[in-house]
N, C-alpha and C. Protein backbone atom coordinates (compact mmCIF):
# COMPACT_ATOMS: atom_id res chain seq x y z
N MET A 1 0.80 -1.40 0.16
CA MET A 1 0.07 -0.17 -0.09
C MET A 1 0.98 1.15 0.03
N LYS A 2 1.03 2.31 -0.73
CA LYS A 2 1.30 3.38 -1.20
C LYS A 2 0.83 4.48 0.25
N PRO A 3 1.81 5.28 0.55
CA PRO A 3 1.58 6.69 1.67
C PRO A 3 0.34 7.36 1.13
N LEU A 4 -0.72 7.73 1.98
CA LEU A 4 -1.75 8.41 1.42
C LEU A 4 -1.48 9.61 0.57
N ASN A 5 -0.16 10.38 1.22
CA ASN A 5 -0.05 11.23 -0.08
C ASN A 5 0.10 10.96 -1.44
N TYR A 6 0.95 9.92 -1.28
CA TYR A 6 1.48 9.24 -2.68
C TYR A 6 0.12 8.78 -3.65
N ALA A 7 -0.76 8.17 -2.84
CA ALA A 7 -2.29 7.72 -3.33
C ALA A 7 -3.33 9.04 -4.11
N ILE A 8 -2.97 9.97 -3.19
CA ILE A 8 -3.75 11.24 -3.48
C ILE A 8 -3.09 11.63 -4.85
N LEU A 9 -1.84 11.80 -4.85
CA LEU A 9 -1.13 12.48 -6.38
C LEU A 9 -1.23 11.46 -7.03
N LYS A 10 -1.36 10.18 -7.17
CA LYS A 10 -1.53 9.19 -8.00
C LYS A 10 -2.95 8.66 -8.87
N PHE A 11 -3.71 9.41 -8.03
CA PHE A 11 -5.20 9.54 -8.25
C PHE A 11 -5.14 10.53 -9.31
N PHE A 12 -4.36 11.76 -9.37
CA PHE A 12 -4.71 13.06 -10.30
C PHE A 12 -4.08 12.32 -11.64
N THR A 13 -3.16 11.21 -11.70
CA THR A 13 -2.74 11.16 -13.09
C THR A 13 -3.73 10.32 -13.84
N ALA A 14 -4.95 9.54 -13.01
CA ALA A 14 -6.11 9.28 -13.76
C ALA A 14 -7.35 9.70 -13.82
N VAL A 15 -7.56 10.95 -13.35
CA VAL A 15 -8.77 11.74 -13.71
C VAL A 15 -8.31 13.18 -14.27
N GLU A 16 -9.48 13.78 -14.76
CA GLU A 16 -9.69 14.74 -15.62
C GLU A 16 -9.28 16.11 -14.70
N LYS A 17 -10.30 15.82 -13.73
CA LYS A 17 -10.33 16.85 -12.34
C LYS A 17 -10.86 16.00 -11.27
N ALA A 18 -10.75 16.75 -9.85
CA ALA A 18 -11.34 16.20 -9.01
C ALA A 18 -11.47 17.00 -7.60
N SER A 19 -12.37 17.07 -6.72
CA SER A 19 -12.17 17.80 -5.46
C SER A 19 -11.71 16.71 -4.33
N ALA A 20 -11.57 17.49 -3.19
CA ALA A 20 -11.11 16.64 -2.04
C ALA A 20 -12.04 15.70 -1.87
N ILE A 21 -13.47 15.87 -2.00
CA ILE A 21 -14.54 15.20 -1.30
C ILE A 21 -14.37 13.85 -2.40
N GLU A 22 -14.18 14.11 -3.63
CA GLU A 22 -14.28 13.00 -4.79
C GLU A 22 -12.87 12.01 -4.73
N VAL A 23 -11.78 12.65 -4.00
CA VAL A 23 -10.63 11.92 -3.62
C VAL A 23 -11.00 11.01 -2.67
N MET A 24 -11.59 11.65 -1.71
CA MET A 24 -11.96 10.84 -0.43
C MET A 24 -13.10 9.70 -0.75
N ASP A 25 -13.68 10.00 -1.86
CA ASP A 25 -14.77 8.75 -2.13
C ASP A 25 -14.11 7.63 -2.62
N VAL A 26 -13.12 8.06 -3.34
CA VAL A 26 -12.46 6.89 -4.08
C VAL A 26 -11.44 6.08 -3.23
N LEU A 27 -10.65 6.79 -2.39
CA LEU A 27 -9.69 6.13 -1.57
C LEU A 27 -9.88 5.83 -0.17
N ARG A 28 -11.37 6.05 -0.02
CA ARG A 28 -11.94 5.27 1.72
C ARG A 28 -11.64 4.02 1.91
N PRO A 29 -12.18 3.11 0.80
CA PRO A 29 -11.87 1.51 0.83
C PRO A 29 -10.66 1.38 1.54
N GLU A 30 -9.85 1.63 1.08
CA GLU A 30 -8.10 1.27 1.32
C GLU A 30 -7.66 2.28 2.59
N TYR A 31 -7.89 3.59 2.39
CA TYR A 31 -7.59 4.59 3.42
C TYR A 31 -8.31 5.19 4.42
N GLY A 32 -9.52 4.74 4.39
CA GLY A 32 -10.63 5.31 5.41
C GLY A 32 -10.09 4.79 6.90
N GLY A 33 -9.21 4.00 7.41
CA GLY A 33 -8.99 4.23 8.84
C GLY A 33 -7.90 4.65 9.10
N PHE A 34 -7.25 5.68 8.03
CA PHE A 34 -5.88 6.59 8.58
C PHE A 34 -6.34 7.55 9.43
N LYS A 35 -5.65 7.99 10.22
CA LYS A 35 -6.05 9.16 10.88
C LYS A 35 -5.76 10.30 10.17
N ALA A 36 -5.03 10.36 9.32
CA ALA A 36 -4.96 11.48 8.58
C ALA A 36 -6.26 11.74 7.15
N PHE A 37 -6.90 10.68 7.21
CA PHE A 37 -7.87 10.63 6.19
C PHE A 37 -8.73 11.62 6.89
N THR A 38 -9.02 12.91 6.80
CA THR A 38 -9.92 13.67 6.64
C THR A 38 -9.96 14.79 5.68
N LYS A 39 -10.97 15.16 5.57
CA LYS A 39 -11.29 16.36 4.27
C LYS A 39 -10.22 17.38 4.51
N GLY A 40 -9.68 17.96 5.66
CA GLY A 40 -8.86 19.21 5.89
C GLY A 40 -7.28 18.62 5.66
N ALA A 41 -7.12 17.35 6.06
CA ALA A 41 -5.82 16.81 5.63
C ALA A 41 -5.53 16.46 4.18
N ILE A 42 -6.71 16.13 3.53
CA ILE A 42 -6.62 15.88 1.99
C ILE A 42 -6.43 17.28 1.15
N LEU A 43 -7.12 18.26 1.72
CA LEU A 43 -7.13 19.39 1.03
C LEU A 43 -5.78 20.25 1.37
N ASP A 44 -5.39 20.25 2.60
CA ASP A 44 -4.06 20.37 2.87
C ASP A 44 -2.80 19.78 1.79
N ALA A 45 -3.15 18.54 1.51
CA ALA A 45 -2.09 17.54 0.62
C ALA A 45 -2.38 18.02 -0.47
N LEU A 46 -3.71 18.36 -1.07
CA LEU A 46 -3.50 19.08 -2.48
C LEU A 46 -3.04 20.63 -2.76
N LEU A 47 -3.39 21.41 -1.56
CA LEU A 47 -2.73 22.74 -1.77
C LEU A 47 -1.11 22.68 -1.64
N THR A 48 -0.64 21.80 -1.09
CA THR A 48 0.89 21.49 -1.36
C THR A 48 1.28 20.93 -2.33
N ALA A 49 0.36 19.73 -2.87
CA ALA A 49 0.89 19.52 -4.44
C ALA A 49 0.76 20.65 -5.18
N GLU A 50 -0.40 21.78 -5.35
CA GLU A 50 -0.01 22.79 -6.00
C GLU A 50 0.91 23.47 -6.08
N ALA A 51 1.26 23.91 -4.68
CA ALA A 51 2.44 24.86 -4.45
C ALA A 51 3.57 24.16 -5.15
N ASN A 52 3.56 23.01 -4.93
CA ASN A 52 4.89 22.53 -5.32
C ASN A 52 4.77 21.92 -6.84
N GLY A 53 3.57 22.65 -7.66
CA GLY A 53 3.50 22.40 -9.08
C GLY A 53 3.11 21.17 -9.70
N LEU A 54 2.98 20.10 -8.84
CA LEU A 54 2.25 19.18 -9.56
C LEU A 54 1.00 18.99 -9.78
N ILE A 55 -0.17 19.68 -9.45
CA ILE A 55 -1.19 19.87 -9.56
C ILE A 55 -1.78 21.52 -9.88
N GLU A 56 -2.76 21.56 -10.26
CA GLU A 56 -3.43 23.11 -10.50
C GLU A 56 -4.58 23.29 -9.96
N SER A 57 -5.08 24.10 -9.72
CA SER A 57 -6.53 24.52 -9.25
C SER A 57 -7.26 24.73 -10.64
N VAL A 58 -8.40 24.50 -10.88
CA VAL A 58 -9.24 24.36 -12.20
C VAL A 58 -10.77 25.09 -12.06
N GLY A 59 -10.70 25.30 -10.77
CA GLY A 59 -12.40 25.95 -10.59
C GLY A 59 -12.90 25.53 -9.09
N SER A 60 -13.66 26.15 -8.84
CA SER A 60 -14.38 26.28 -7.48
C SER A 60 -16.01 26.23 -7.58
N GLU A 61 -16.63 25.90 -6.61
CA GLU A 61 -18.19 25.84 -6.61
C GLU A 61 -18.76 25.67 -4.93
N MET A 62 -19.71 26.55 -5.10
CA MET A 62 -20.27 26.34 -3.60
C MET A 62 -21.14 25.20 -3.46
N SER A 63 -21.07 24.21 -2.59
CA SER A 63 -21.78 23.02 -2.07
C SER A 63 -23.48 23.68 -1.73
N THR A 64 -24.13 22.78 -1.65
CA THR A 64 -25.58 22.89 -1.32
C THR A 64 -25.49 23.42 0.67
N ASP A 65 -24.31 22.95 1.27
CA ASP A 65 -24.16 23.76 2.62
C ASP A 65 -23.52 24.42 2.55
N ASN A 66 -23.32 25.64 1.29
CA ASN A 66 -22.58 26.58 1.54
C ASN A 66 -21.19 26.43 1.89
N GLU A 67 -20.39 25.31 1.19
CA GLU A 67 -19.32 24.90 1.43
C GLU A 67 -18.36 25.44 0.26
N LEU A 68 -17.53 25.91 0.03
CA LEU A 68 -16.45 25.96 -1.36
C LEU A 68 -15.84 24.69 -1.44
N ILE A 69 -15.95 24.27 -2.44
CA ILE A 69 -15.46 23.01 -3.28
C ILE A 69 -14.47 23.39 -4.17
N LEU A 70 -13.09 23.09 -4.24
CA LEU A 70 -11.93 23.36 -4.79
C LEU A 70 -11.82 22.11 -5.34
N TYR A 71 -11.27 22.65 -7.30
CA TYR A 71 -11.14 21.16 -8.08
C TYR A 71 -9.69 21.84 -8.40
N PHE A 72 -9.27 20.42 -8.85
CA PHE A 72 -7.68 20.18 -8.85
C PHE A 72 -7.42 19.29 -10.26
N LYS A 73 -6.59 19.55 -10.85
CA LYS A 73 -6.13 18.59 -11.92
C LYS A 73 -4.39 18.28 -12.19
N ALA A 74 -3.94 17.44 -12.57
CA ALA A 74 -2.76 17.27 -12.70
C ALA A 74 -2.05 17.79 -14.37
N HIS A 75 -1.66 18.78 -14.36
CA HIS A 75 -1.24 19.03 -15.63
C HIS A 75 -0.40 18.25 -16.16
N LYS A 76 -0.05 17.99 -17.80
CA LYS A 76 0.83 16.97 -18.37
C LYS A 76 2.61 17.12 -17.25
N GLU A 77 2.90 18.17 -17.31
CA GLU A 77 4.35 17.89 -17.02
C GLU A 77 4.40 17.40 -15.06
N GLY A 78 3.14 18.00 -14.42
CA GLY A 78 2.89 17.25 -13.14
C GLY A 78 2.65 16.06 -13.29
N ALA A 79 1.69 15.44 -14.20
CA ALA A 79 1.59 14.06 -14.10
C ALA A 79 2.31 13.27 -14.47
N GLU A 80 3.65 13.40 -15.37
CA GLU A 80 4.86 13.11 -15.74
C GLU A 80 5.78 12.81 -14.68
N THR A 81 5.85 13.74 -13.58
CA THR A 81 6.90 13.81 -12.64
C THR A 81 5.92 12.90 -11.70
N ILE A 82 4.57 12.92 -11.33
CA ILE A 82 3.97 12.10 -10.33
C ILE A 82 4.35 10.53 -11.21
N ASN A 83 4.20 10.17 -11.98
CA ASN A 83 4.41 9.03 -12.73
C ASN A 83 5.76 8.49 -12.51
N ARG A 84 6.75 9.56 -12.74
CA ARG A 84 8.10 8.95 -12.73
C ARG A 84 8.47 8.41 -11.12
N TYR A 85 7.83 9.27 -10.26
CA TYR A 85 8.39 9.27 -8.92
C TYR A 85 7.24 7.91 -8.21
N ILE A 86 6.06 7.77 -8.60
CA ILE A 86 5.35 7.14 -7.87
C ILE A 86 5.11 5.75 -9.01
N THR A 87 5.33 4.65 -8.59
CA THR A 87 4.90 3.83 -9.80
C THR A 87 3.66 2.92 -9.26
N ASP A 88 3.29 2.44 -9.84
CA ASP A 88 2.21 1.14 -9.36
C ASP A 88 2.26 0.08 -9.00
């Protein structure tokens, strides 16, 4: 099993775009029991990956609960870097 942050990054190489909530939905079966498996921690990981140039923000929307949902995607260079260092 990959570390959670690796799994988060690798997920973005397989999807067009996603939010922290979508990441959680997909990774919950394998990582749901991890202490760091919270929306806040995953959002922190996404914002760190963005700051490091691996993914980029591609939009946002307000949820029905008036919560801001941010969407990210791995651009070509970011996906290549992720795939070079994190193998399946």
